[in-house]
């Protein structure tokens, strides 16, 4: 027993450097989920593109990120999370350089797709490694760090983007990834352990059904307003694409149910109540957090006349509060029931978004805007770690890759749908509030006084969408079951990936 405990303590000591090495890359890919929002006007000017095309720069990344996650989690189980993580980080870093060199919006979108594929290879490996190298009673602290990184990255992206756009140009929001990626590669190669692998078959039909379904659904939602919710080409209409996407996704779920080999989504995971509810909550969080920055940045630059940096600094209180509190939350929820922290987080996020959307007027004092933005940071800190811990606490080692793949896919699906839905919402509200007057808007330049009230109202009303969707997360959190206390390693989740009694014998 003493030998086993000693092995656990040594693994825990070695686990933290490995986790820190992984979160460097994790931070970078999550920053890229939101950093584009502040650069939208600059990209529109630099590449002579319209708003819908530039929103696709973000949506293409999120879509390419979300769809492969189901299989990349399995790739980590099959070939080792360290190897797949390093491959993904290499692809992501090279694609970032391509993004910065893009000479047209179409090329930028293609480069962002490749970037998303690299991110999809990396992301499931971080949670899988946490599940496999930290014992259950220590995962709260590890998830606290993971939650802190997730919260700060998705909120600090616009701030970093503003500074880079103002000082060096929009291209540098991508070029900055190159040195960070190189450092991340070196550290991960040196510090992340090689873990035992498991043989898996791959559900290629499931990949095709999920990819096609997501693309049709996202394209239909995002382009609906552009085509006035009518015909796109020939017999293909917006609603035809949306319905086709839903049918394909239903077919995907049915195939997962009856696939006799090894489905992409092991539906048995959802027999765990907390895993099911945690996935529902993180879907809502992914949807909401992705949609916040775009309307706020357009309001700041086109209504208030702020520079990209000044606009991004509006989000500073949110990033500071979320980043500083997330590790503390991780420790607190390890000792108590994560349910109550999650309930507070989701409730506060909905209130903050409704509040912010209601006060986004041309003459609202900046200090008044910072109040709901600060509450948004507090809310975010109360969501990431509690939901992650609740969803993954009972995952055995053998299901770590599949479980983290499903969980991250759910979050990214929420982000993809959020990105497309907020684009449709903004275009719809702009049409309702200022009509054809929106054609006068010059990206990055302040609108005329006559158009400012309508434009501000449109951006504020757009925030009511994520404020409503986040209530889905709240509803799920209300039914979280209190996690059963677990100490030590289960038979199949010892630090080295072999049965605990084998470690003890050694």
Protein backbone atom coordinates (compact mmCIF):
# COMPACT_ATOMS: atom_id res chain seq x y z
CA UNK A 1 0.00 0.00 0.00
CA UNK A 2 2.86 2.35 0.83
CA UNK A 3 4.50 1.54 -2.49
CA UNK A 4 1.26 2.29 -4.33
CA UNK A 5 0.80 5.62 -2.52
CA UNK A 6 4.39 6.55 -3.25
CA UNK A 7 3.82 5.88 -6.94
CA UNK A 8 0.71 8.06 -6.88
CA UNK A 9 2.53 10.95 -5.21
CA UNK A 10 5.42 10.76 -7.67
CA UNK A 11 3.01 10.69 -10.60
CA UNK A 12 1.15 13.69 -9.22
CA UNK A 13 4.42 15.62 -8.95
CA UNK A 14 5.25 14.76 -12.56
CA UNK A 15 1.69 15.37 -13.73
CA UNK A 16 1.71 19.12 -13.12
CA UNK A 17 4.59 19.98 -15.48
CA UNK A 18 2.90 17.81 -18.12
CA UNK A 19 -0.37 19.64 -17.64
CA UNK A 20 1.29 23.05 -17.84
CA UNK A 21 2.96 22.03 -21.10
CA UNK A 22 -0.39 20.96 -22.53
CA UNK A 23 -2.32 24.06 -21.51
CA UNK A 24 0.04 26.30 -23.49
CA UNK A 25 -1.31 24.81 -26.70
CA UNK A 26 -4.82 24.59 -25.29
CA UNK A 27 -4.70 28.30 -24.43
CA UNK A 28 -3.54 29.16 -27.93
CA UNK A 29 -6.29 27.28 -29.75
CA UNK A 30 -9.03 28.71 -27.54
CA UNK A 31 -7.69 32.24 -28.00
CA UNK A 32 -8.06 31.68 -31.74
CA UNK A 33 -11.75 30.90 -31.22
CA UNK A 34 -12.40 34.51 -30.19
CA UNK A 35 -9.43 36.63 -31.31
CA UNK A 36 -10.93 37.21 -34.77
CA UNK A 37 -13.90 39.11 -33.32
CA UNK A 38 -11.95 42.29 -32.62
CA UNK A 39 -10.16 42.13 -35.98
CA UNK A 40 -13.34 41.82 -38.06
CA UNK A 41 -13.38 45.48 -39.24
CA UNK A 42 -9.64 45.38 -40.05
CA UNK A 43 -9.99 42.12 -42.00
CA UNK A 44 -13.00 43.51 -43.89
CA UNK A 45 -10.92 46.51 -44.92
CA UNK A 46 -7.72 44.60 -45.60
CA UNK A 47 -9.30 41.85 -47.70
CA UNK A 48 -12.23 43.86 -49.11
CA UNK A 49 -14.77 41.45 -47.62
CA UNK A 50 -18.31 41.83 -46.27
CA UNK A 51 -19.47 41.03 -42.72
CA UNK A 52 -20.93 37.64 -43.58
CA UNK A 53 -17.70 36.48 -45.26
CA UNK A 54 -15.57 37.55 -42.31
CA UNK A 55 -17.87 35.81 -39.83
CA UNK A 56 -17.18 32.68 -41.88
CA UNK A 57 -13.50 33.11 -40.97
CA UNK A 58 -14.56 32.31 -37.42
CA UNK A 59 -17.29 29.80 -38.26
CA UNK A 60 -15.04 27.77 -40.60
CA UNK A 61 -12.46 27.43 -37.83
CA UNK A 62 -15.07 26.38 -35.28
CA UNK A 63 -16.71 23.93 -37.68
CA UNK A 64 -13.40 22.28 -38.65
CA UNK A 65 -12.57 22.21 -34.94
CA UNK A 66 -15.85 20.58 -33.87
CA UNK A 67 -16.52 17.84 -36.40
CA UNK A 68 -13.32 15.74 -36.05
CA UNK A 69 -13.25 15.87 -32.22
CA UNK A 70 -15.19 12.63 -31.93
CA UNK A 71 -12.52 10.71 -33.82
CA UNK A 72 -9.46 12.60 -32.58
CA UNK A 73 -10.22 11.56 -29.02
CA UNK A 74 -10.08 7.95 -30.21
CA UNK A 75 -6.85 8.64 -32.10
CA UNK A 76 -5.31 9.64 -28.78
CA UNK A 77 -6.40 6.34 -27.25
CA UNK A 78 -5.06 4.39 -30.24
CA UNK A 79 -1.73 6.13 -30.90
CA UNK A 80 -1.14 7.90 -27.59
CA UNK A 81 -2.33 11.40 -26.56
CA UNK A 82 1.22 12.77 -26.59
CA UNK A 83 1.82 11.82 -30.23
CA UNK A 84 -1.54 13.13 -31.46
CA UNK A 85 -1.15 16.35 -29.47
CA UNK A 86 2.27 17.04 -31.00
CA UNK A 87 0.93 16.35 -34.51
CA UNK A 88 -2.00 18.69 -33.96
CA UNK A 89 0.17 21.46 -32.56
CA UNK A 90 2.44 21.24 -35.61
CA UNK A 91 -0.50 21.51 -38.01
CA UNK A 92 -2.00 24.38 -36.01
CA UNK A 93 1.24 26.36 -35.94
CA UNK A 94 1.89 26.00 -39.69
CA UNK A 95 -1.74 26.87 -40.50
CA UNK A 96 -1.44 30.02 -38.35
CA UNK A 97 1.43 31.24 -40.53
CA UNK A 98 -0.68 30.54 -43.63
CA UNK A 99 -3.56 32.56 -42.14
CA UNK A 100 -1.29 35.58 -41.67
CA UNK A 101 -0.07 35.33 -45.26
CA UNK A 102 -3.57 35.02 -46.79
CA UNK A 103 -4.23 37.53 -49.56
CA UNK A 104 -7.99 36.99 -49.86
CA UNK A 105 -10.84 36.13 -47.54
CA UNK A 106 -11.32 32.80 -49.35
CA UNK A 107 -7.69 31.81 -48.69
CA UNK A 108 -8.02 32.92 -45.08
CA UNK A 109 -11.09 30.72 -44.64
CA UNK A 110 -9.22 27.71 -46.08
CA UNK A 111 -6.27 28.32 -43.76
CA UNK A 112 -8.64 28.60 -40.82
CA UNK A 113 -10.12 25.21 -41.71
CA UNK A 114 -6.65 23.66 -41.49
CA UNK A 115 -6.09 25.50 -38.23
CA UNK A 116 -9.33 24.03 -36.88
CA UNK A 117 -8.23 20.51 -37.83
CA UNK A 118 -5.01 21.01 -35.88
CA UNK A 119 -6.98 22.25 -32.88
CA UNK A 120 -9.28 19.21 -33.11
CA UNK A 121 -6.28 16.90 -32.86
CA UNK A 122 -4.98 18.69 -29.76
CA UNK A 123 -8.01 19.45 -27.61
CA UNK A 124 -9.26 15.99 -26.50
CA UNK A 125 -5.76 15.02 -25.45
CA UNK A 126 -5.64 17.63 -22.67
CA UNK A 127 -8.68 16.30 -20.83
CA UNK A 128 -7.71 12.69 -21.54
CA UNK A 129 -4.28 13.26 -19.95
CA UNK A 130 -5.90 14.92 -16.90
CA UNK A 131 -8.21 11.94 -16.48
CA UNK A 132 -5.36 9.44 -16.83
CA UNK A 133 -2.54 10.97 -14.77
CA UNK A 134 -4.44 12.63 -11.91
CA UNK A 135 -6.23 10.48 -9.31
CA UNK A 136 -9.92 11.31 -8.86
CA UNK A 137 -9.47 13.22 -5.61
CA UNK A 138 -6.90 15.52 -7.28
CA UNK A 139 -8.72 16.15 -10.53
CA UNK A 140 -10.57 19.16 -9.13
CA UNK A 141 -7.34 21.16 -8.86
CA UNK A 142 -6.29 20.03 -12.35
CA UNK A 143 -9.72 20.90 -13.75
CA UNK A 144 -9.45 24.25 -11.98
CA UNK A 145 -6.32 25.03 -13.99
CA UNK A 146 -7.97 23.71 -17.16
CA UNK A 147 -11.06 25.83 -16.44
CA UNK A 148 -8.92 28.87 -15.74
CA UNK A 149 -7.16 28.48 -19.08
CA UNK A 150 -10.45 27.94 -20.92
CA UNK A 151 -12.08 30.94 -19.29
CA UNK A 152 -9.17 33.33 -19.73
CA UNK A 153 -8.43 32.24 -23.29
CA UNK A 154 -11.94 32.72 -24.61
CA UNK A 155 -12.14 36.13 -22.96
CA UNK A 156 -8.62 37.47 -23.43
CA UNK A 157 -8.59 36.71 -27.16
CA UNK A 158 -10.28 39.99 -28.11
CA UNK A 159 -7.97 42.00 -25.81
CA UNK A 160 -4.84 40.48 -27.32
CA UNK A 161 -6.35 40.85 -30.79
CA UNK A 162 -6.99 44.56 -30.28
CA UNK A 163 -3.41 45.24 -29.23
CA UNK A 164 -2.01 43.31 -32.19
CA UNK A 165 -4.36 44.85 -34.77
CA UNK A 166 -3.61 48.40 -33.62
CA UNK A 167 0.16 47.95 -33.37
CA UNK A 168 1.09 45.47 -36.09
CA UNK A 169 -1.97 44.71 -38.25
CA UNK A 170 -4.61 41.98 -38.34
CA UNK A 171 -2.15 39.43 -39.77
CA UNK A 172 -0.34 39.31 -36.45
CA UNK A 173 -3.26 37.78 -34.60
CA UNK A 174 -2.16 34.65 -36.48
CA UNK A 175 1.61 35.16 -36.76
CA UNK A 176 1.88 35.40 -32.96
CA UNK A 177 0.98 31.71 -32.76
CA UNK A 178 4.23 30.65 -34.45
CA UNK A 179 6.67 31.30 -31.56
CA UNK A 180 4.11 30.15 -28.98
CA UNK A 181 3.57 26.96 -30.96
CA UNK A 182 7.30 26.23 -31.14
CA UNK A 183 7.67 26.68 -27.37
CA UNK A 184 4.61 24.50 -26.80
CA UNK A 185 6.05 21.75 -29.03
CA UNK A 186 9.36 21.69 -27.14
CA UNK A 187 7.72 21.60 -23.72
CA UNK A 188 5.15 18.97 -24.66
CA UNK A 189 7.83 16.76 -26.22
CA UNK A 190 9.91 16.94 -23.06
CA UNK A 191 7.26 16.90 -20.32
CA UNK A 192 4.15 15.02 -21.49
CA UNK A 193 4.48 11.30 -20.68
CA UNK A 194 3.89 8.46 -23.10
CA UNK A 195 0.76 6.65 -21.96
CA UNK A 196 -0.44 3.12 -22.81
CA UNK A 197 -2.60 2.86 -25.91
CA UNK A 198 -5.75 0.91 -26.73
CA UNK A 199 -6.73 -0.54 -30.07
CA UNK A 200 -9.75 1.10 -31.71
CA UNK A 201 -11.67 0.78 -34.96
CA UNK A 202 -12.86 3.99 -36.58
CA UNK A 203 -16.43 4.83 -37.50
CA UNK A 204 -15.95 6.47 -40.89
CA UNK A 205 -19.68 6.50 -41.71
CA UNK A 206 -20.26 8.32 -38.44
CA UNK A 207 -17.64 10.91 -39.40
CA UNK A 208 -19.32 11.52 -42.78
CA UNK A 209 -22.83 11.80 -41.32
CA UNK A 210 -21.78 14.16 -38.51
CA UNK A 211 -19.63 16.35 -40.78
CA UNK A 212 -22.28 16.67 -43.49
CA UNK A 213 -25.04 17.30 -40.96
CA UNK A 214 -23.10 19.99 -39.11
CA UNK A 215 -22.08 21.75 -42.33
CA UNK A 216 -25.65 21.87 -43.69
CA UNK A 217 -27.03 23.10 -40.38
CA UNK A 218 -24.37 25.76 -39.81
CA UNK A 219 -24.41 27.02 -43.41
CA UNK A 220 -28.19 27.22 -43.42
CA UNK A 221 -28.37 29.15 -40.14
CA UNK A 222 -25.55 31.58 -40.92
CA UNK A 223 -26.57 32.29 -44.52
CA UNK A 224 -30.32 32.44 -43.83
CA UNK A 225 -30.50 36.22 -43.53
CA UNK A 226 -28.19 36.70 -46.54
CA UNK A 227 -30.63 34.79 -48.76
CA UNK A 228 -33.68 36.20 -46.99
CA UNK A 229 -34.42 32.67 -45.73
CA UNK A 230 -35.30 31.66 -49.30
CA UNK A 231 -33.65 29.98 -52.29
CA UNK A 232 -29.87 29.61 -52.45
CA UNK A 233 -29.55 27.86 -55.80
CA UNK A 234 -32.10 25.94 -57.85
CA UNK A 235 -34.15 23.65 -55.60
CA UNK A 236 -31.82 24.22 -52.65
CA UNK A 237 -33.21 26.64 -50.07
CA UNK A 238 -32.02 27.76 -46.66
CA UNK A 239 -34.68 25.67 -44.95
CA UNK A 240 -33.83 22.65 -47.12
CA UNK A 241 -30.23 22.83 -45.86
CA UNK A 242 -31.28 23.24 -42.22
CA UNK A 243 -33.75 20.33 -42.38
CA UNK A 244 -31.18 18.18 -44.22
CA UNK A 245 -28.64 18.95 -41.51
CA UNK A 246 -31.06 17.92 -38.76
CA UNK A 247 -31.99 14.69 -40.60
CA UNK A 248 -28.32 13.79 -41.10
CA UNK A 249 -27.55 14.40 -37.43
CA UNK A 250 -30.52 12.24 -36.38
CA UNK A 251 -29.24 9.53 -38.74
CA UNK A 252 -25.82 9.89 -37.11
CA UNK A 253 -27.28 9.31 -33.64
CA UNK A 254 -29.26 6.29 -34.86
CA UNK A 255 -26.13 4.87 -36.44
CA UNK A 256 -24.29 5.34 -33.14
CA UNK A 257 -27.07 3.40 -31.43
CA UNK A 258 -26.99 0.42 -33.80
CA UNK A 259 -23.32 0.35 -34.83
CA UNK A 260 -22.16 -3.10 -33.66
CA UNK A 261 -18.45 -2.29 -33.82
CA UNK A 262 -17.15 0.85 -32.13
CA UNK A 263 -19.25 4.02 -32.52
CA UNK A 264 -17.78 7.52 -32.42
CA UNK A 265 -20.12 8.39 -29.56
CA UNK A 266 -20.41 5.56 -27.03
CA UNK A 267 -23.97 6.26 -25.99
CA UNK A 268 -23.38 4.21 -22.86
CA UNK A 269 -21.44 7.17 -21.47
CA UNK A 270 -24.72 9.06 -21.26
CA UNK A 271 -26.09 6.55 -18.78
CA UNK A 272 -24.08 8.57 -16.27
CA UNK A 273 -26.50 11.32 -15.28
CA UNK A 274 -23.81 13.90 -14.63
CA UNK A 275 -22.05 13.23 -17.92
CA UNK A 276 -25.31 13.82 -19.81
CA UNK A 277 -26.19 16.97 -17.90
CA UNK A 278 -22.61 18.24 -18.03
CA UNK A 279 -22.62 17.95 -21.81
CA UNK A 280 -25.90 19.85 -21.99
CA UNK A 281 -24.47 22.63 -19.84
CA UNK A 282 -21.19 22.92 -21.74
CA UNK A 283 -23.10 23.10 -25.03
CA UNK A 284 -24.91 26.18 -23.76
CA UNK A 285 -21.65 27.66 -22.46
CA UNK A 286 -19.87 27.08 -25.77
CA UNK A 287 -22.76 28.75 -27.60
CA UNK A 288 -22.90 31.78 -25.32
CA UNK A 289 -19.22 32.56 -24.76
CA UNK A 290 -18.48 32.48 -28.50
CA UNK A 291 -21.22 34.96 -29.34
CA UNK A 292 -20.47 37.70 -26.81
CA UNK A 293 -17.44 39.44 -28.30
CA UNK A 294 -18.59 40.01 -31.90
CA UNK A 295 -21.61 42.30 -31.23
CA UNK A 296 -19.74 44.07 -28.44
CA UNK A 297 -16.69 44.79 -30.62
CA UNK A 298 -18.82 46.04 -33.52
CA UNK A 299 -20.72 48.30 -31.11
CA UNK A 300 -17.49 49.62 -29.60
CA UNK A 301 -15.84 50.43 -32.94
CA UNK A 302 -18.78 51.43 -35.16
CA UNK A 303 -20.95 53.23 -32.57
CA UNK A 304 -18.52 54.49 -29.93
CA UNK A 305 -15.62 55.09 -32.31
CA UNK A 306 -13.17 53.07 -30.18
CA UNK A 307 -9.97 51.68 -31.67
CA UNK A 308 -9.60 47.86 -31.67
CA UNK A 309 -7.48 48.06 -28.52
CA UNK A 310 -9.90 50.41 -26.74
CA UNK A 311 -12.81 48.19 -27.65
CA UNK A 312 -11.01 45.06 -26.53
CA UNK A 313 -10.10 46.65 -23.20
CA UNK A 314 -13.80 46.66 -22.37
CA UNK A 315 -13.35 42.93 -21.81
CA UNK A 316 -10.38 43.29 -19.45
CA UNK A 317 -12.41 43.07 -16.20
CA UNK A 318 -14.06 39.90 -17.49
CA UNK A 319 -10.72 38.26 -18.28
CA UNK A 320 -9.06 39.29 -15.00
CA UNK A 321 -11.94 38.18 -12.80
CA UNK A 322 -12.45 34.88 -14.60
CA UNK A 323 -8.76 34.00 -14.72
CA UNK A 324 -8.03 34.86 -11.11
CA UNK A 325 -11.04 33.08 -9.63
CA UNK A 326 -11.11 29.89 -11.73
CA UNK A 327 -8.28 28.09 -9.82
CA UNK A 328 -9.95 28.95 -6.50
CA UNK A 329 -13.25 27.62 -7.81
CA UNK A 330 -11.50 24.41 -8.86
CA UNK A 331 -10.30 23.81 -5.30
CA UNK A 332 -13.66 24.71 -3.77
CA UNK A 333 -15.74 22.40 -5.95
CA UNK A 334 -13.37 19.51 -5.22
CA UNK A 335 -14.40 19.76 -1.56
CA UNK A 336 -18.10 20.39 -2.06
CA UNK A 337 -20.90 19.95 -4.57
CA UNK A 338 -20.06 21.62 -7.93
CA UNK A 339 -23.78 21.97 -8.61
CA UNK A 340 -24.25 25.15 -6.59
CA UNK A 341 -21.29 26.97 -8.14
CA UNK A 342 -22.53 26.03 -11.61
CA UNK A 343 -26.06 27.27 -10.82
CA UNK A 344 -24.64 30.59 -9.71
CA UNK A 345 -22.42 30.82 -12.80
CA UNK A 346 -25.17 30.17 -15.32
CA UNK A 347 -27.65 32.46 -13.54
CA UNK A 348 -25.13 35.30 -13.35
CA UNK A 349 -24.16 34.89 -17.00
CA UNK A 350 -27.75 35.17 -18.21
CA UNK A 351 -28.34 38.25 -16.04
CA UNK A 352 -25.12 39.90 -17.24
CA UNK A 353 -25.93 39.36 -20.93
CA UNK A 354 -29.51 40.65 -20.66
CA UNK A 355 -28.19 43.62 -18.65
CA UNK A 356 -25.42 44.42 -21.13
CA UNK A 357 -27.70 44.11 -24.14
CA UNK A 358 -30.26 46.47 -22.57
CA UNK A 359 -27.77 49.30 -21.91
CA UNK A 360 -25.77 49.30 -25.16
CA UNK A 361 -26.70 52.81 -26.30
CA UNK A 362 -24.51 55.41 -28.04
CA UNK A 363 -24.10 57.57 -24.92
CA UNK A 364 -23.92 54.95 -22.16
CA UNK A 365 -20.96 55.71 -19.80
CA UNK A 366 -18.15 53.20 -20.08
CA UNK A 367 -18.21 52.49 -16.33
CA UNK A 368 -21.84 51.37 -16.68
CA UNK A 369 -20.87 48.91 -19.43
CA UNK A 370 -18.08 47.50 -17.26
CA UNK A 371 -20.51 46.43 -14.52
CA UNK A 372 -22.28 43.64 -16.47
CA UNK A 373 -18.98 42.76 -18.19
CA UNK A 374 -17.40 42.22 -14.76
CA UNK A 375 -20.34 40.07 -13.71
CA UNK A 376 -19.81 38.05 -16.88
CA UNK A 377 -16.25 37.28 -15.75
CA UNK A 378 -17.48 36.18 -12.33
CA UNK A 379 -20.08 33.97 -13.99
CA UNK A 380 -17.53 32.38 -16.32
CA UNK A 381 -15.27 31.44 -13.39
CA UNK A 382 -18.19 29.63 -11.81
CA UNK A 383 -18.90 27.49 -14.87
CA UNK A 384 -15.79 25.96 -16.46
CA UNK A 385 -14.31 23.88 -13.64
CA UNK A 386 -17.59 22.81 -11.94
CA UNK A 387 -19.13 21.57 -15.19
CA UNK A 388 -15.92 19.85 -16.36
CA UNK A 389 -15.44 18.11 -13.03
CA UNK A 390 -19.07 17.03 -12.85
CA UNK A 391 -19.06 15.60 -16.37
CA UNK A 392 -15.74 13.74 -16.23
CA UNK A 393 -15.29 12.74 -12.60
CA UNK A 394 -16.55 9.19 -13.06
CA UNK A 395 -14.92 8.44 -16.43
CA UNK A 396 -12.68 5.34 -16.25
CA UNK A 397 -9.28 5.42 -17.89
CA UNK A 398 -10.45 3.21 -20.75
CA UNK A 399 -13.09 5.80 -21.70
CA UNK A 400 -10.98 8.92 -21.14
CA UNK A 401 -10.36 9.60 -24.82
CA UNK A 402 -13.93 8.91 -25.92
CA UNK A 403 -15.43 10.85 -23.01
CA UNK A 404 -13.22 13.90 -23.46
CA UNK A 405 -13.83 13.76 -27.20
CA UNK A 406 -17.60 13.81 -26.70
CA UNK A 407 -17.40 16.55 -24.07
CA UNK A 408 -15.18 18.81 -26.18
CA UNK A 409 -17.25 18.10 -29.27
CA UNK A 410 -20.39 19.16 -27.43
CA UNK A 411 -18.73 22.43 -26.39
CA UNK A 412 -17.48 23.10 -29.91
CA UNK A 413 -20.83 22.24 -31.51
CA UNK A 414 -22.32 24.88 -29.23
CA UNK A 415 -19.63 27.32 -30.33
CA UNK A 416 -20.21 26.60 -34.04
CA UNK A 417 -23.97 27.03 -33.77
CA UNK A 418 -23.44 30.14 -31.65
CA UNK A 419 -21.14 31.70 -34.24
CA UNK A 420 -23.57 31.06 -37.08
CA UNK A 421 -26.63 32.05 -35.05
CA UNK A 422 -25.15 35.35 -33.86
CA UNK A 423 -24.30 36.26 -37.46
CA UNK A 424 -27.89 35.63 -38.49
CA UNK A 425 -29.17 37.50 -35.42
CA UNK A 426 -27.00 40.58 -36.04
CA UNK A 427 -27.97 40.79 -39.71
CA UNK A 428 -31.63 40.37 -38.83
CA UNK A 429 -31.58 43.05 -36.12
CA UNK A 430 -29.60 45.45 -38.32
CA UNK A 431 -32.20 45.04 -41.06
CA UNK A 432 -34.99 45.68 -38.56
CA UNK A 433 -33.36 48.69 -36.87
CA UNK A 434 -31.60 50.60 -39.64
CA UNK A 435 -32.61 48.86 -42.87
CA UNK A 436 -30.47 49.85 -45.84
CA UNK A 437 -28.66 52.42 -43.70
CA UNK A 438 -26.25 49.69 -42.70
CA UNK A 439 -24.69 49.95 -46.15
CA UNK A 440 -23.17 53.28 -45.06
CA UNK A 441 -21.14 51.60 -42.34
CA UNK A 442 -17.41 51.65 -43.03
CA UNK A 443 -15.62 48.89 -41.11
CA UNK A 444 -13.71 50.30 -38.15
CA UNK A 445 -15.10 53.82 -38.55
CA UNK A 446 -17.75 55.49 -36.42
CA UNK A 447 -21.23 55.65 -37.91
CA UNK A 448 -23.13 58.89 -38.42
CA UNK A 449 -25.12 60.07 -35.39
CA UNK A 450 -28.39 59.25 -37.16
CA UNK A 451 -27.50 55.57 -37.49
CA UNK A 452 -25.83 55.05 -34.12
CA UNK A 453 -28.96 54.40 -32.00
CA UNK A 454 -30.33 51.76 -34.37
CA UNK A 455 -26.96 50.03 -34.79
CA UNK A 456 -26.37 49.98 -31.03
CA UNK A 457 -29.86 48.58 -30.44
CA UNK A 458 -29.24 45.83 -33.02
CA UNK A 459 -25.99 44.75 -31.34
CA UNK A 460 -27.58 44.86 -27.88
CA UNK A 461 -30.60 42.84 -28.98
CA UNK A 462 -28.24 40.24 -30.48
CA UNK A 463 -26.88 39.55 -26.98
CA UNK A 464 -30.35 38.47 -25.86
CA UNK A 465 -29.82 35.29 -27.91
CA UNK A 466 -26.89 33.90 -25.83
CA UNK A 467 -28.57 35.24 -22.68
CA UNK A 468 -31.51 32.97 -23.43
CA UNK A 469 -29.51 29.93 -24.57
CA UNK A 470 -27.40 29.97 -21.40
CA UNK A 471 -30.58 29.20 -19.45
CA UNK A 472 -30.40 25.71 -20.97
CA UNK A 473 -27.14 25.25 -19.08
CA UNK A 474 -28.78 26.52 -15.92
CA UNK A 475 -31.64 24.06 -16.31
CA UNK A 476 -29.21 21.15 -16.65
CA UNK A 477 -27.12 22.30 -13.67
CA UNK A 478 -30.18 22.29 -11.44
CA UNK A 479 -30.30 18.49 -11.80
CA UNK A 480 -26.59 17.71 -11.28
CA UNK A 481 -26.22 14.80 -8.87
CA UNK A 482 -23.71 15.21 -6.07
CA UNK A 483 -20.54 13.38 -7.18
CA UNK A 484 -19.71 10.33 -5.11
CA UNK A 485 -16.44 10.76 -3.21
CA UNK A 486 -13.61 8.75 -4.75
CA UNK A 487 -10.13 8.28 -3.39
CA UNK A 488 -7.16 6.49 -4.87
CA UNK A 489 -7.12 4.89 -8.30
CA UNK A 490 -9.77 2.59 -9.65
CA UNK A 491 -8.60 -0.78 -10.93
CA UNK A 492 -8.21 0.47 -14.48
CA UNK A 493 -6.96 4.02 -13.83
CA UNK A 494 -3.65 3.78 -12.03
CA UNK A 495 -1.08 6.50 -12.81
CA UNK A 496 0.85 4.45 -15.31
CA UNK A 497 -2.19 3.11 -17.04
CA UNK A 498 -1.86 -0.41 -15.65
CA UNK A 499 -3.89 -1.94 -12.81
CA UNK A 500 -3.14 -0.45 -9.39
CA UNK A 501 -2.26 -3.77 -7.88
CA UNK A 502 0.41 -4.23 -10.54
CA UNK A 503 1.98 -0.92 -9.54
CA UNK A 504 1.89 -1.93 -5.93
CA UNK A 505 3.65 -5.18 -6.71
CA UNK A 506 6.42 -3.25 -8.40
